[in-house]
Every structure is written in structure tokens, then in C-alpha cells.
Amino acid sequence: MIKDTEIISFSDLNTDEIKALSFGNRGIERESLRINKSNLISNESHGKYLGSALCQKYLTTDFSEALLEIISPPYERNNEVISFLNETHHYVTKKIQDEKLWPFSMPPKINDDQSIPIAQYGTSNSAKFKTTYREGLAYRYGKRMQAISGVHFNYSFPDNFWKFNKFKSKNLSDKQLKEIVYFRAMRNIHRMNWIILYFFGASPIFDKSFLKQDQKEFKRYKNSLYLPHATSIRMSELGYQNINQSNLRVSINSLKNYVDDLYRLTSTHNPDFNFSDSLKKLNNIQLNSNQLQIEDEYYSISRPKSDNTSNIRIATKLKKFGVNYIEFRSLDVDPFSSIGIQKATLDFLEAFIMFCAFSPSPFIGSNEIKEIRQNDLLVAREGRKPGLELMQNNKRVSLKDWANQILEDMEPFFETLYIKQSDKTHWKEMASNPEETFSAKFIQTIFDSNLDLNEFGIYIAGKNSREFCRIDNKENSIWDLLDNECTDSKKRQESLESVNPESFKEYIDKYFKS
């Protein structure tokens, strides 16, 4: 196993190496439920407006047919990502006609599970695979959890960064070097993920229909439930930190450990997922009855990703081709942004990942895993509680003190990225004053509006839609790109459906042997 100490720290980098760092590639995956004229989750087909969800590069679906996912290509600058998101949201708003994009992470009012349509991708084997996987998620965890939206930040260091002589002197291959740096970053991301929930969490309140039974600890506001000091219900045990996965163990101490654990979980039978005979009679209820159907089912704060596009399983891609970038998954949809995220947040995340990658990052043991999970859940539910303390190396520490220490340690990376002083001042204000955080301002805005959460979401969705509809189409520089991709994606889907050389069972067996 490669030792973490074999890689250099930030202080070892010279000016050119630091400058190269600032030209990393970053991209965003923004999820958003489409709502119809009745202000409910839409049941219209994605393909009606936006091309093939199976083959589209930029506009696809996540769990639900109504859960739009906007995917940016990789860019070298955060303002380029923001520009793409603005233009794509403009395009989508015009294309979906009378529908709107729900502006929050937690879903709108849910009448029943049947109102959340599972995504459909066509008749090809790859399409059936994606839908069957989602059917499995629905039966394992329920549709409500899968209707939650988030923002994923994908980040990689630039290719020329790995070519510096300082790295070559370590006698490591590019694959080994990237493994060290990215896994080092992920361990620190997990350790300090709570600060992302504290600063940028924006789901302290949700419609009461999300829970089938009211829980006593929640307070009531009109038709909504909330926790007074919560930051991100989405990242609590009610959201993607699902109780069914609380005991899963996937090591991020090395690529080998990570891949081996995923192979184990995707091949170990779980009797809890042996469904009743009546369900078994239904076709394609899930891919299998293992702990995880596939690697994607492991809901992690961050994940190592390969950019290889071959149709083989994720663990095998990582094993064969190594890590090319990190996917960071803890961000709530920003209710104060019509595109779900602000540039200042992207700037912070970039500096945060750099800081995590070039700071000491010892391997994580079982005790620290418990600390990390406890800190995340505590901040998700009570992050704005005055005097809140977290656990760090078996010792209690003030959230405020730890947050300020992180900001101080991140200062060299803020300088590298030329972060504005006003943004740094704002983050320091948030560290010291919970009322400055996204979650505090969001819930206070709802209270001030005197609207129910669902009514407020409909108001914001309408406001965002009107703003985009006022923009002139002809001045949008990427409409041709998106129009062409919509058309081409349908052709690619038709091509896949024209030939199915093997049965669906053969396709699945081949995939898991890959």
C-alpha cells in the first residue's frame, strides 16, 4: 500500500506548480424536480422536451422521470460553469413550457408514492438496466427519499500538474500518484464535511407529506416540519444518510480497499432485500438482492471517479484505469440561486478540495468513522445550535473554533485562487454567527413570507421561470449545442434499440463479470 507520506504538501510546491493547480477542471450536476401546472411532481416524459435521457450528455434524469439532472462539461474556471448553468436553465425553462423547476432540495407536496414516476430510458438492455436499478431503489428505500435533489461538484487537478519533476522524483506512476492525492483529499473531505453542511446546508424544513408519520422532535410550521437548528435534513438520517446504509463500511484509505469493499457489498446477499412472492412475480423488481445492487447505490459524501466511458462496472473502471476526479455530493440545492448554486460556493469548494488534498491525511479507522458520522448527523440536525460541540480525535471541540481554524488553514488556497475578500469575510461571519448561514436565512425568509413551504417553493419556481423567460433566445450561445444534443441523443437511443444481441439476463451477467 502506498503511504500517504510519500506525497508532498502544499508548502513544498513552487510558484509554477501552485499556479498550475488553479487550472483544474470542474463541473456541476444539478438535480431538480419538474413540477406541472397543478404544482405537483410532473409525470410528463423527459424525452418530450429534452431528448433521450439515456444518451443525453447535458440533460438527463436521476431517479424519477421528473427529476431533471443538468450536467455541465468540465471547465477550467468557475465562472464558465456558472455561465453554462445559466444558459442551460434558460434553455430548459423555455423547453418545458408550463412546467417549472422546483427550487429546493426537499421535494414539494407528495400525495402518494405513485405520484413519483420512476425514470424510463427505452427498450434497450442498457435502458432496462437503469430503470430496474431505480425500481430496486424504490422498493429498498422508498420513492420519497429518491425524490430529494442535490448538487454534485466534480473536480480534478489539471493534467500538466502531475508532470512536474517534483512528482516524477517520487518514482510513482500517474495512476499511483493520483490515487494518493485524491484519496488523501477524500479522507479530509469526510473529516470536515460538516463545515459544508453548516455553511451551505439549505434544507432545515420540509413538507409534512415527506414523512408518512410525524416525528415528535419536529416542530410544525403550517403544512411543514422543521428542526429549529437544522442545516440539512437532506444529509440527515431522513435523507441520503439512509438508516439502511448506516452500517455499511467502504474504506477510503486506498483505491484497493475501496474497490474491494464495493465488490464485497455488490456480491453479498442481504436477506432484507428478499421481497415477498407477490413482488418477485413482477418483472425486473431489482437487479439483485445484494447489499448494494451496483456501486452507485452507496451514498457517500465523496466518490473517486474514472473518466473511462466503457460499459463496465465502476469498481472495475477504477481498478483498471485509476482515479481521474472526485465527485463531491454533500451540497443542497441553493434556494437563493435560480441555478441552484452560487459562484462563491464553487470557489469555496475548489479551495476546500485543494486544502484537503495537500494537508496531512492519516488513514481513517473505525473510531474515526463513528466520529465523522456523528459530526455530520449532529450538524445536519443541530448545526446552528449555540455553543454546539463536535468530536475531533476523541476530544470535544467547539464548532465555531474548528470552523475558524479551517478557514485560517485554507487561507493559502484562497490566495491561490484569488478569492474575493468580501467572500472570505462572509465565511468568517458564518463561522461565528449561525444566523448568517444558508439554512438560517432560508427558514427565516419562509417565516417572513408567511407562506407555507410548498407555496413559497411555487412562488420562487415561478419567479425563476419568469426571469429566464425574459431572456432573448437568440443571444444564448449554447442553444445550438443543446438542440443538436437533443436530436443526436434520440438517434443514439434508436440505434441502441435497433439491436439487442443478448437477453437482459445475459446483459446483467456480463456487466457484473466485467
Protein backbone atom coordinates (compact mmCIF):
# COMPACT_ATOMS: atom_id res chain seq x y z
CA MET A 1 0.00 0.00 0.00
CA ILE A 2 1.33 3.45 -0.94
CA LYS A 3 1.97 5.62 2.08
CA ASP A 4 0.33 8.99 2.37
CA THR A 5 3.67 10.48 3.44
CA GLU A 6 5.11 9.76 0.00
CA ILE A 7 3.31 12.78 -1.44
CA ILE A 8 4.38 16.39 -0.96
CA SER A 9 2.47 19.07 0.92
CA PHE A 10 1.30 22.44 -0.36
CA SER A 11 4.27 24.18 1.25
CA ASP A 12 6.60 22.11 -0.96
CA LEU A 13 5.11 23.45 -4.20
CA ASN A 14 6.82 26.25 -6.11
CA THR A 15 5.09 29.18 -7.80
CA ASP A 16 4.58 27.44 -11.16
CA GLU A 17 3.16 24.33 -9.51
CA ILE A 18 0.75 26.38 -7.42
CA LYS A 19 -0.29 28.36 -10.49
CA ALA A 20 -0.98 25.10 -12.36
CA LEU A 21 -3.25 23.98 -9.54
CA SER A 22 -5.65 26.84 -10.23
CA PHE A 23 -6.42 25.45 -13.72
CA GLY A 24 -8.16 22.30 -12.55
CA ASN A 25 -11.28 21.01 -14.23
CA ARG A 26 -14.62 21.32 -12.53
CA GLY A 27 -18.22 20.55 -13.40
CA ILE A 28 -21.66 20.51 -11.79
CA GLU A 29 -24.52 18.03 -11.77
CA ARG A 30 -27.64 19.87 -10.59
CA GLU A 31 -30.83 17.90 -9.85
CA SER A 32 -34.27 19.48 -9.85
CA LEU A 33 -37.80 18.10 -9.85
CA ARG A 34 -40.09 19.36 -12.58
CA ILE A 35 -43.50 20.48 -11.32
CA ASN A 36 -46.57 20.87 -13.50
CA LYS A 37 -49.36 23.44 -13.71
CA SER A 38 -51.06 21.81 -10.73
CA ASN A 39 -47.87 22.41 -8.75
CA LEU A 40 -47.27 18.70 -8.32
CA ILE A 41 -44.41 16.50 -9.48
CA SER A 42 -44.66 16.26 -13.26
CA ASN A 43 -45.49 12.96 -14.95
CA GLU A 44 -44.60 14.18 -18.44
CA SER A 45 -41.85 12.32 -20.30
CA HIS A 46 -38.37 13.86 -20.22
CA GLY A 47 -37.93 12.99 -23.89
CA LYS A 48 -40.93 15.09 -24.88
CA TYR A 49 -38.83 18.23 -24.48
CA LEU A 50 -35.20 17.43 -23.77
CA GLY A 51 -34.03 14.49 -25.84
CA SER A 52 -33.09 10.98 -24.77
CA ALA A 53 -32.41 10.79 -21.02
CA LEU A 54 -30.39 7.63 -21.72
CA CYS A 55 -27.98 9.23 -24.17
CA GLN A 56 -28.09 12.99 -23.44
CA LYS A 57 -24.74 14.46 -22.34
CA TYR A 58 -26.15 17.52 -20.61
CA LEU A 59 -29.83 16.92 -19.76
CA THR A 60 -30.79 13.58 -18.25
CA THR A 61 -32.84 12.19 -15.37
CA ASP A 62 -31.90 10.79 -12.00
CA PHE A 63 -34.28 8.51 -10.07
CA SER A 64 -37.54 9.91 -11.37
CA GLU A 65 -38.76 10.76 -14.84
CA ALA A 66 -39.46 14.19 -13.31
CA LEU A 67 -36.06 14.52 -11.63
CA LEU A 68 -34.09 16.52 -14.18
CA GLU A 69 -30.30 16.40 -13.97
CA ILE A 70 -28.30 19.15 -15.66
CA ILE A 71 -24.69 18.14 -16.28
CA SER A 72 -22.05 20.67 -17.20
CA PRO A 73 -18.96 19.69 -19.18
CA PRO A 74 -15.63 20.21 -17.38
CA TYR A 75 -14.35 23.80 -17.32
CA GLU A 76 -11.17 25.47 -16.09
CA ARG A 77 -12.97 28.38 -14.45
CA ASN A 78 -15.91 28.55 -12.07
CA ASN A 79 -17.44 31.49 -13.94
CA GLU A 80 -17.58 29.27 -17.05
CA VAL A 81 -19.55 26.66 -15.08
CA ILE A 82 -21.94 29.35 -13.84
CA SER A 83 -22.40 30.65 -17.38
CA PHE A 84 -23.20 27.17 -18.70
CA LEU A 85 -25.71 26.58 -15.89
CA ASN A 86 -27.41 29.91 -16.54
CA GLU A 87 -27.71 29.24 -20.25
CA THR A 88 -28.87 25.64 -19.75
CA HIS A 89 -31.51 26.63 -17.18
CA HIS A 90 -32.72 29.26 -19.66
CA TYR A 91 -32.95 26.57 -22.36
CA VAL A 92 -34.76 24.08 -20.12
CA THR A 93 -37.22 26.70 -18.87
CA LYS A 94 -38.24 27.55 -22.43
CA LYS A 95 -38.48 23.88 -23.45
CA ILE A 96 -40.60 22.58 -20.58
CA GLN A 97 -43.32 25.13 -21.36
CA ASP A 98 -45.78 25.33 -18.48
CA GLU A 99 -43.67 23.30 -16.07
CA LYS A 100 -41.26 24.81 -13.56
CA LEU A 101 -38.13 23.64 -11.73
CA TRP A 102 -38.63 23.05 -8.01
CA PRO A 103 -36.01 25.28 -6.30
CA PHE A 104 -35.32 23.28 -3.10
CA SER A 105 -33.60 20.02 -2.18
CA MET A 106 -36.52 18.56 -0.25
CA PRO A 107 -39.42 17.71 -2.58
CA PRO A 108 -42.77 19.50 -2.83
CA LYS A 109 -46.02 18.06 -1.50
CA ILE A 110 -46.24 14.33 -2.25
CA ASN A 111 -49.76 12.91 -2.45
CA ASP A 112 -48.54 9.30 -2.57
CA ASP A 113 -45.60 7.29 -3.88
CA GLN A 114 -47.38 6.67 -7.16
CA SER A 115 -47.06 10.39 -7.93
CA ILE A 116 -43.28 9.97 -8.28
CA PRO A 117 -42.73 8.33 -11.71
CA ILE A 118 -39.60 6.18 -12.00
CA ALA A 119 -37.32 7.23 -14.85
CA GLN A 120 -37.79 5.43 -18.17
CA TYR A 121 -35.00 5.11 -20.74
CA GLY A 122 -36.37 3.00 -23.58
CA THR A 123 -36.26 -0.65 -24.60
CA SER A 124 -32.53 -1.37 -24.95
CA ASN A 125 -30.74 -3.50 -22.38
CA SER A 126 -28.85 -0.50 -21.02
CA ALA A 127 -32.18 1.33 -20.63
CA LYS A 128 -33.78 -1.61 -18.83
CA PHE A 129 -30.73 -1.81 -16.56
CA LYS A 130 -31.10 1.80 -15.44
CA THR A 131 -34.84 1.55 -14.82
CA THR A 132 -34.56 -1.79 -13.00
CA TYR A 133 -31.89 -0.34 -10.73
CA ARG A 134 -34.26 2.52 -9.88
CA GLU A 135 -37.12 0.10 -9.26
CA GLY A 136 -34.83 -1.57 -6.74
CA LEU A 137 -34.09 1.75 -5.05
CA ALA A 138 -37.81 2.44 -4.76
CA TYR A 139 -38.53 -0.87 -3.03
CA ARG A 140 -35.44 -0.70 -0.81
CA TYR A 141 -35.64 2.88 0.41
CA GLY A 142 -38.94 4.29 -0.81
CA LYS A 143 -39.64 6.79 -3.55
CA ARG A 144 -39.78 9.79 -1.24
CA MET A 145 -36.09 9.60 -0.36
CA GLN A 146 -35.20 9.26 -4.02
CA ALA A 147 -37.15 12.45 -4.84
CA ILE A 148 -34.64 14.56 -2.87
CA SER A 149 -32.47 16.82 -5.06
CA GLY A 150 -28.86 17.86 -4.63
CA VAL A 151 -25.86 19.40 -6.36
CA HIS A 152 -22.72 17.38 -7.13
CA PHE A 153 -19.36 19.08 -7.68
CA ASN A 154 -16.85 17.20 -9.83
CA TYR A 155 -13.23 18.28 -9.59
CA SER A 156 -9.85 17.20 -10.95
CA PHE A 157 -6.40 18.72 -10.91
CA PRO A 158 -5.05 19.67 -14.36
CA ASP A 159 -3.13 17.07 -16.39
CA ASN A 160 0.08 19.11 -16.53
CA PHE A 161 0.17 19.32 -12.73
CA TRP A 162 1.09 15.64 -12.49
CA LYS A 163 4.04 16.10 -14.89
CA PHE A 164 6.19 18.30 -12.64
CA ASN A 165 9.64 16.95 -11.80
CA LYS A 166 8.86 17.05 -8.10
CA PHE A 167 6.25 14.35 -8.66
CA LYS A 168 8.38 12.34 -11.06
CA SER A 169 11.09 12.09 -8.41
CA LYS A 170 8.69 10.04 -6.28
CA ASN A 171 9.02 7.14 -8.75
CA LEU A 172 5.29 6.72 -8.93
CA SER A 173 3.12 6.18 -11.97
CA ASP A 174 0.45 8.77 -12.77
CA LYS A 175 -2.16 6.27 -11.63
CA GLN A 176 -0.44 5.79 -8.24
CA LEU A 177 0.15 9.50 -7.78
CA LYS A 178 -3.47 10.41 -8.49
CA GLU A 179 -4.67 7.67 -6.13
CA ILE A 180 -2.60 9.13 -3.28
CA VAL A 181 -3.72 12.71 -3.82
CA TYR A 182 -7.40 12.04 -4.44
CA PHE A 183 -7.83 9.53 -1.63
CA ARG A 184 -5.93 11.83 0.68
CA ALA A 185 -8.38 14.57 -0.30
CA MET A 186 -11.41 12.33 0.24
CA ARG A 187 -10.34 11.34 3.75
CA ASN A 188 -10.05 15.00 4.74
CA ILE A 189 -13.29 15.85 2.93
CA HIS A 190 -15.05 13.26 5.08
CA ARG A 191 -13.39 14.59 8.25
CA MET A 192 -14.50 18.14 7.58
CA ASN A 193 -17.67 17.59 5.56
CA TRP A 194 -19.65 19.02 8.47
CA ILE A 195 -18.45 22.55 7.59
CA ILE A 196 -20.11 22.23 4.15
CA LEU A 197 -23.38 21.23 5.82
CA TYR A 198 -23.03 24.11 8.28
CA PHE A 199 -22.21 26.81 5.71
CA PHE A 200 -24.25 25.68 2.69
CA GLY A 201 -26.91 23.31 4.03
CA ALA A 202 -30.29 24.64 2.91
CA SER A 203 -32.89 22.07 3.88
CA PRO A 204 -33.88 22.68 7.53
CA ILE A 205 -37.59 22.41 6.68
CA PHE A 206 -39.71 20.12 4.52
CA ASP A 207 -43.32 19.44 3.57
CA LYS A 208 -45.04 17.16 6.08
CA SER A 209 -46.02 14.77 3.27
CA PHE A 210 -42.38 13.68 3.05
CA LEU A 211 -42.80 11.65 6.26
CA LYS A 212 -45.52 9.05 6.42
CA GLN A 213 -45.63 9.58 10.18
CA ASP A 214 -44.90 12.78 12.09
CA GLN A 215 -41.89 12.58 14.37
CA LYS A 216 -42.26 14.23 17.77
CA GLU A 217 -38.96 16.12 17.70
CA PHE A 218 -40.03 18.19 14.68
CA LYS A 219 -41.82 21.49 15.07
CA ARG A 220 -44.77 22.43 12.88
CA TYR A 221 -45.00 25.43 10.58
CA LYS A 222 -48.26 25.45 8.61
CA ASN A 223 -48.03 22.26 6.48
CA SER A 224 -44.30 21.83 7.04
CA LEU A 225 -42.00 20.28 9.62
CA TYR A 226 -38.65 21.67 10.73
CA LEU A 227 -35.92 21.48 13.35
CA PRO A 228 -35.03 24.86 14.92
CA HIS A 229 -31.26 24.48 14.46
CA ALA A 230 -31.09 22.15 11.46
CA THR A 231 -28.92 22.87 8.43
CA SER A 232 -29.54 19.94 6.06
CA ILE A 233 -32.33 17.43 6.60
CA ARG A 234 -31.28 16.10 3.20
CA MET A 235 -27.99 14.94 4.73
CA SER A 236 -29.56 13.64 7.95
CA GLU A 237 -30.74 10.09 8.59
CA LEU A 238 -34.02 11.05 6.89
CA GLY A 239 -32.24 11.91 3.65
CA TYR A 240 -29.40 10.26 1.79
CA GLN A 241 -27.73 9.15 5.02
CA ASN A 242 -30.32 6.40 5.00
CA ILE A 243 -30.58 4.20 8.07
CA ASN A 244 -30.48 1.13 5.82
CA GLN A 245 -26.90 2.01 4.88
CA SER A 246 -25.69 3.16 8.31
CA ASN A 247 -23.66 0.00 8.91
CA LEU A 248 -22.03 -0.26 5.50
CA ARG A 249 -18.25 0.04 5.54
CA VAL A 250 -16.32 1.23 2.50
CA SER A 251 -12.72 2.19 3.18
CA ILE A 252 -11.21 5.29 1.60
CA ASN A 253 -7.71 4.53 2.84
CA SER A 254 -6.64 3.28 -0.57
CA LEU A 255 -8.02 2.52 -4.00
CA LYS A 256 -7.59 -1.23 -3.39
CA ASN A 257 -9.52 -1.10 -0.12
CA TYR A 258 -12.25 0.99 -1.72
CA VAL A 259 -12.69 -1.26 -4.74
CA ASP A 260 -12.54 -4.48 -2.69
CA ASP A 261 -15.25 -3.20 -0.33
CA LEU A 262 -17.51 -2.28 -3.24
CA TYR A 263 -17.02 -5.70 -4.83
CA ARG A 264 -17.90 -7.28 -1.47
CA LEU A 265 -21.07 -5.21 -0.95
CA THR A 266 -22.32 -5.77 -4.50
CA SER A 267 -21.87 -9.54 -4.20
CA THR A 268 -23.05 -10.15 -0.59
CA HIS A 269 -26.66 -11.26 -0.25
CA ASN A 270 -28.88 -9.18 2.05
CA PRO A 271 -31.93 -11.12 3.34
CA ASP A 272 -33.72 -7.80 3.98
CA PHE A 273 -33.97 -7.39 0.22
CA ASN A 274 -35.68 -10.76 -0.34
CA PHE A 275 -39.02 -9.34 -1.34
CA SER A 276 -42.38 -11.07 -1.00
CA ASP A 277 -43.54 -13.62 -3.53
CA SER A 278 -46.06 -11.14 -4.93
CA LEU A 279 -43.28 -8.65 -5.68
CA LYS A 280 -41.00 -11.33 -7.09
CA LYS A 281 -43.63 -12.12 -9.71
CA LEU A 282 -43.18 -8.62 -11.10
CA ASN A 283 -40.57 -8.36 -13.83
CA ASN A 284 -37.28 -6.63 -13.04
CA ILE A 285 -38.07 -5.53 -9.49
CA GLN A 286 -34.34 -5.03 -8.77
CA LEU A 287 -31.02 -6.04 -10.27
CA ASN A 288 -30.23 -8.41 -7.40
CA SER A 289 -30.83 -8.89 -3.66
CA ASN A 290 -27.32 -7.95 -2.56
CA GLN A 291 -26.27 -5.29 -0.05
CA LEU A 292 -25.86 -2.92 -2.99
CA GLN A 293 -27.30 -3.61 -6.44
CA ILE A 294 -24.41 -1.70 -8.03
CA GLU A 295 -21.71 0.64 -6.77
CA ASP A 296 -23.81 3.76 -7.40
CA GLU A 297 -26.14 2.71 -4.59
CA TYR A 298 -23.52 3.54 -1.99
CA TYR A 299 -24.47 7.04 -0.85
CA SER A 300 -21.14 8.60 0.03
CA ILE A 301 -20.05 12.15 0.80
CA SER A 302 -17.46 11.96 -1.96
CA ARG A 303 -16.52 9.30 -4.50
CA PRO A 304 -13.48 8.64 -6.69
CA LYS A 305 -14.42 8.57 -10.36
CA SER A 306 -12.88 7.34 -13.58
CA ASP A 307 -13.48 9.20 -16.83
CA ASN A 308 -13.34 5.96 -18.83
CA THR A 309 -16.56 5.60 -20.83
CA SER A 310 -16.59 1.84 -21.46
CA ASN A 311 -19.64 -0.13 -20.33
CA ILE A 312 -18.04 -1.90 -17.39
CA ARG A 313 -18.82 -1.62 -13.71
CA ILE A 314 -17.49 1.33 -11.70
CA ALA A 315 -15.23 -0.66 -9.37
CA THR A 316 -13.54 -2.34 -12.34
CA LYS A 317 -13.00 1.00 -14.09
CA LEU A 318 -11.28 2.38 -11.01
CA LYS A 319 -9.17 -0.74 -10.62
CA LYS A 320 -8.06 -0.77 -14.27
CA PHE A 321 -7.81 2.92 -15.10
CA GLY A 322 -7.42 4.66 -11.74
CA VAL A 323 -8.96 7.87 -10.39
CA ASN A 324 -9.40 10.89 -12.66
CA TYR A 325 -11.54 13.14 -10.49
CA ILE A 326 -13.55 13.43 -7.27
CA GLU A 327 -17.32 13.70 -7.08
CA PHE A 328 -18.40 15.76 -4.05
CA ARG A 329 -22.03 15.10 -3.10
CA SER A 330 -22.96 16.99 0.08
CA LEU A 331 -24.37 20.19 -1.40
CA ASP A 332 -28.03 21.07 -1.04
CA VAL A 333 -29.72 22.99 -3.84
CA ASP A 334 -29.19 26.68 -3.09
CA PRO A 335 -32.68 28.25 -2.78
CA PHE A 336 -31.20 31.74 -3.26
CA SER A 337 -29.87 30.90 -6.73
CA SER A 338 -32.01 30.29 -9.81
CA ILE A 339 -29.41 27.73 -10.97
CA GLY A 340 -29.05 26.00 -7.60
CA ILE A 341 -25.54 27.21 -6.73
CA GLN A 342 -23.53 30.44 -6.49
CA LYS A 343 -20.04 31.12 -7.81
CA ALA A 344 -18.79 31.93 -4.29
CA THR A 345 -19.81 28.42 -3.21
CA LEU A 346 -17.87 26.91 -6.12
CA ASP A 347 -14.85 29.00 -5.14
CA PHE A 348 -15.03 27.73 -1.58
CA LEU A 349 -15.37 24.11 -2.70
CA GLU A 350 -12.37 24.36 -5.01
CA ALA A 351 -10.20 25.82 -2.25
CA PHE A 352 -11.59 23.23 0.19
CA ILE A 353 -10.66 20.30 -2.04
CA MET A 354 -7.16 21.71 -2.59
CA PHE A 355 -6.78 22.16 1.16
CA CYS A 356 -7.95 18.59 1.77
CA ALA A 357 -5.60 17.18 -0.88
CA PHE A 358 -2.46 18.89 0.38
CA SER A 359 -2.94 18.59 4.14
CA PRO A 360 -1.92 15.64 6.35
CA SER A 361 -4.48 12.88 5.98
CA PRO A 362 -3.85 9.78 8.10
CA PHE A 363 -5.84 6.64 7.39
CA ILE A 364 -9.31 6.50 8.91
CA GLY A 365 -10.05 3.81 11.49
CA SER A 366 -13.35 2.54 12.89
CA ASN A 367 -13.42 5.04 15.78
CA GLU A 368 -12.91 7.99 13.47
CA ILE A 369 -15.60 6.69 11.12
CA LYS A 370 -18.05 6.94 14.03
CA GLU A 371 -16.83 10.47 14.84
CA ILE A 372 -17.28 11.57 11.23
CA ARG A 373 -20.81 10.21 11.00
CA GLN A 374 -21.81 11.62 14.37
CA ASN A 375 -20.45 15.07 13.46
CA ASP A 376 -22.28 15.08 10.13
CA LEU A 377 -25.60 13.99 11.61
CA LEU A 378 -25.27 16.42 14.51
CA VAL A 379 -24.58 19.38 12.21
CA ALA A 380 -27.31 18.30 9.78
CA ARG A 381 -29.88 18.31 12.60
CA GLU A 382 -28.49 20.86 15.09
CA GLY A 383 -25.68 22.72 13.34
CA ARG A 384 -26.94 26.19 14.32
CA LYS A 385 -27.39 25.37 17.99
CA PRO A 386 -25.49 27.91 20.13
CA GLY A 387 -22.30 26.50 21.63
CA LEU A 388 -22.51 23.26 19.64
CA GLU A 389 -19.52 20.95 20.14
CA LEU A 390 -18.19 18.29 17.77
CA MET A 391 -15.73 15.43 18.24
CA GLN A 392 -12.18 15.71 16.91
CA ASN A 393 -9.65 12.99 17.73
CA ASN A 394 -11.74 11.81 20.70
CA LYS A 395 -11.94 15.33 22.12
CA ARG A 396 -14.80 17.79 22.22
CA VAL A 397 -14.23 20.95 20.22
CA SER A 398 -16.39 23.99 19.58
CA LEU A 399 -17.88 24.06 16.07
CA LYS A 400 -17.12 27.77 15.94
CA ASP A 401 -13.45 27.29 16.88
CA TRP A 402 -12.94 24.41 14.47
CA ALA A 403 -14.64 26.30 11.61
CA ASN A 404 -12.43 29.33 12.15
CA GLN A 405 -9.34 27.12 12.27
CA ILE A 406 -10.29 25.53 8.95
CA LEU A 407 -10.76 28.96 7.37
CA GLU A 408 -7.38 30.08 8.68
CA ASP A 409 -5.70 26.95 7.30
CA MET A 410 -7.42 27.47 3.94
CA GLU A 411 -6.05 31.00 3.53
CA PRO A 412 -3.12 29.98 1.23
CA PHE A 413 -5.60 28.27 -1.09
CA PHE A 414 -7.90 31.29 -1.08
CA GLU A 415 -4.88 33.34 -2.18
CA THR A 416 -4.02 30.83 -4.91
CA LEU A 417 -7.50 31.19 -6.35
CA TYR A 418 -7.71 34.97 -5.84
CA ILE A 419 -10.83 34.63 -3.70
CA LYS A 420 -12.52 37.97 -3.03
CA GLN A 421 -12.03 39.45 0.43
CA SER A 422 -15.77 40.00 0.75
CA ASP A 423 -16.38 36.25 0.33
CA LYS A 424 -13.74 35.37 2.92
CA THR A 425 -15.27 37.87 5.32
CA HIS A 426 -18.70 36.35 4.78
CA TRP A 427 -17.45 32.82 5.55
CA LYS A 428 -15.86 34.08 8.75
CA GLU A 429 -19.14 35.71 9.69
CA MET A 430 -20.94 32.41 9.11
CA ALA A 431 -18.38 30.57 11.25
CA SER A 432 -19.03 32.90 14.16
CA ASN A 433 -22.73 33.57 13.67
CA PRO A 434 -25.10 30.70 12.72
CA GLU A 435 -27.75 33.22 11.65
CA GLU A 436 -25.57 34.07 8.64
CA THR A 437 -25.69 30.51 7.26
CA PHE A 438 -27.80 29.49 4.27
CA SER A 439 -30.16 27.39 6.39
CA ALA A 440 -30.87 30.18 8.89
CA LYS A 441 -31.56 32.76 6.19
CA PHE A 442 -33.67 30.29 4.20
CA ILE A 443 -36.00 29.32 7.02
CA GLN A 444 -36.30 32.93 8.22
CA THR A 445 -37.24 34.01 4.70
CA ILE A 446 -40.02 31.42 4.71
CA PHE A 447 -41.31 32.58 8.09
CA ASP A 448 -41.21 36.21 6.95
CA SER A 449 -43.17 35.38 3.80
CA ASN A 450 -46.00 33.91 5.89
CA LEU A 451 -46.32 31.28 3.15
CA ASP A 452 -46.30 27.54 3.56
CA LEU A 453 -43.07 25.91 2.28
CA ASN A 454 -44.91 24.46 -0.70
CA GLU A 455 -46.46 27.84 -1.53
CA PHE A 456 -43.08 29.53 -1.12
CA GLY A 457 -41.40 26.98 -3.40
CA ILE A 458 -44.05 27.53 -6.07
CA TYR A 459 -43.53 31.30 -5.77
CA ILE A 460 -39.73 31.00 -6.15
CA ALA A 461 -40.07 28.49 -9.02
CA GLY A 462 -42.39 30.89 -10.82
CA LYS A 463 -40.09 33.85 -10.20
CA ASN A 464 -37.08 31.93 -11.58
CA SER A 465 -39.08 30.80 -14.59
CA ARG A 466 -40.23 34.32 -15.42
CA GLU A 467 -36.67 35.66 -15.18
CA PHE A 468 -35.37 33.06 -17.63
CA CYS A 469 -38.31 33.51 -19.99
CA ARG A 470 -37.50 37.22 -20.30
CA ILE A 471 -34.10 36.41 -21.83
CA ASP A 472 -33.82 36.54 -25.62
CA ASN A 473 -33.20 33.05 -27.05
CA LYS A 474 -31.05 34.28 -29.89
CA GLU A 475 -28.41 35.67 -27.57
CA ASN A 476 -27.89 32.31 -25.88
CA SER A 477 -24.57 30.93 -27.13
CA ILE A 478 -25.19 27.25 -26.43
CA TRP A 479 -28.74 26.69 -27.72
CA ASP A 480 -27.41 25.15 -30.95
CA LEU A 481 -25.24 22.80 -28.89
CA LEU A 482 -28.19 21.73 -26.74
CA ASP A 483 -30.60 21.46 -29.69
CA ASN A 484 -28.14 19.26 -31.56
CA GLU A 485 -27.58 17.09 -28.50
CA CYS A 486 -31.33 16.61 -28.03
CA THR A 487 -31.65 15.43 -31.65
CA ASP A 488 -28.48 13.32 -31.66
CA SER A 489 -29.30 11.68 -28.33
CA LYS A 490 -32.60 10.41 -29.73
CA LYS A 491 -30.76 8.94 -32.72
CA ARG A 492 -28.25 7.23 -30.42
CA GLN A 493 -31.10 5.73 -28.40
CA GLU A 494 -32.81 4.49 -31.58
CA SER A 495 -29.53 2.89 -32.66
CA LEU A 496 -29.24 1.07 -29.33
CA GLU A 497 -32.81 -0.15 -29.58
CA SER A 498 -32.41 -1.41 -33.14
CA VAL A 499 -30.13 -4.22 -31.97
CA ASN A 500 -30.35 -6.23 -28.75
CA PRO A 501 -27.81 -9.02 -29.37
CA GLU A 502 -28.37 -10.65 -25.98
CA SER A 503 -31.11 -11.19 -23.44
CA PHE A 504 -31.47 -8.84 -20.50
CA LYS A 505 -30.26 -11.57 -18.13
CA GLU A 506 -27.17 -12.13 -20.30
CA TYR A 507 -26.57 -8.38 -20.31
CA ILE A 508 -26.71 -8.20 -16.50
CA ASP A 509 -24.46 -11.24 -16.06
CA LYS A 510 -21.94 -9.76 -18.47
CA TYR A 511 -21.97 -6.44 -16.62
CA PHE A 512 -21.24 -7.98 -13.21
CA LYS A 513 -18.43 -10.09 -14.66
CA SER A 514 -16.80 -7.03 -16.21
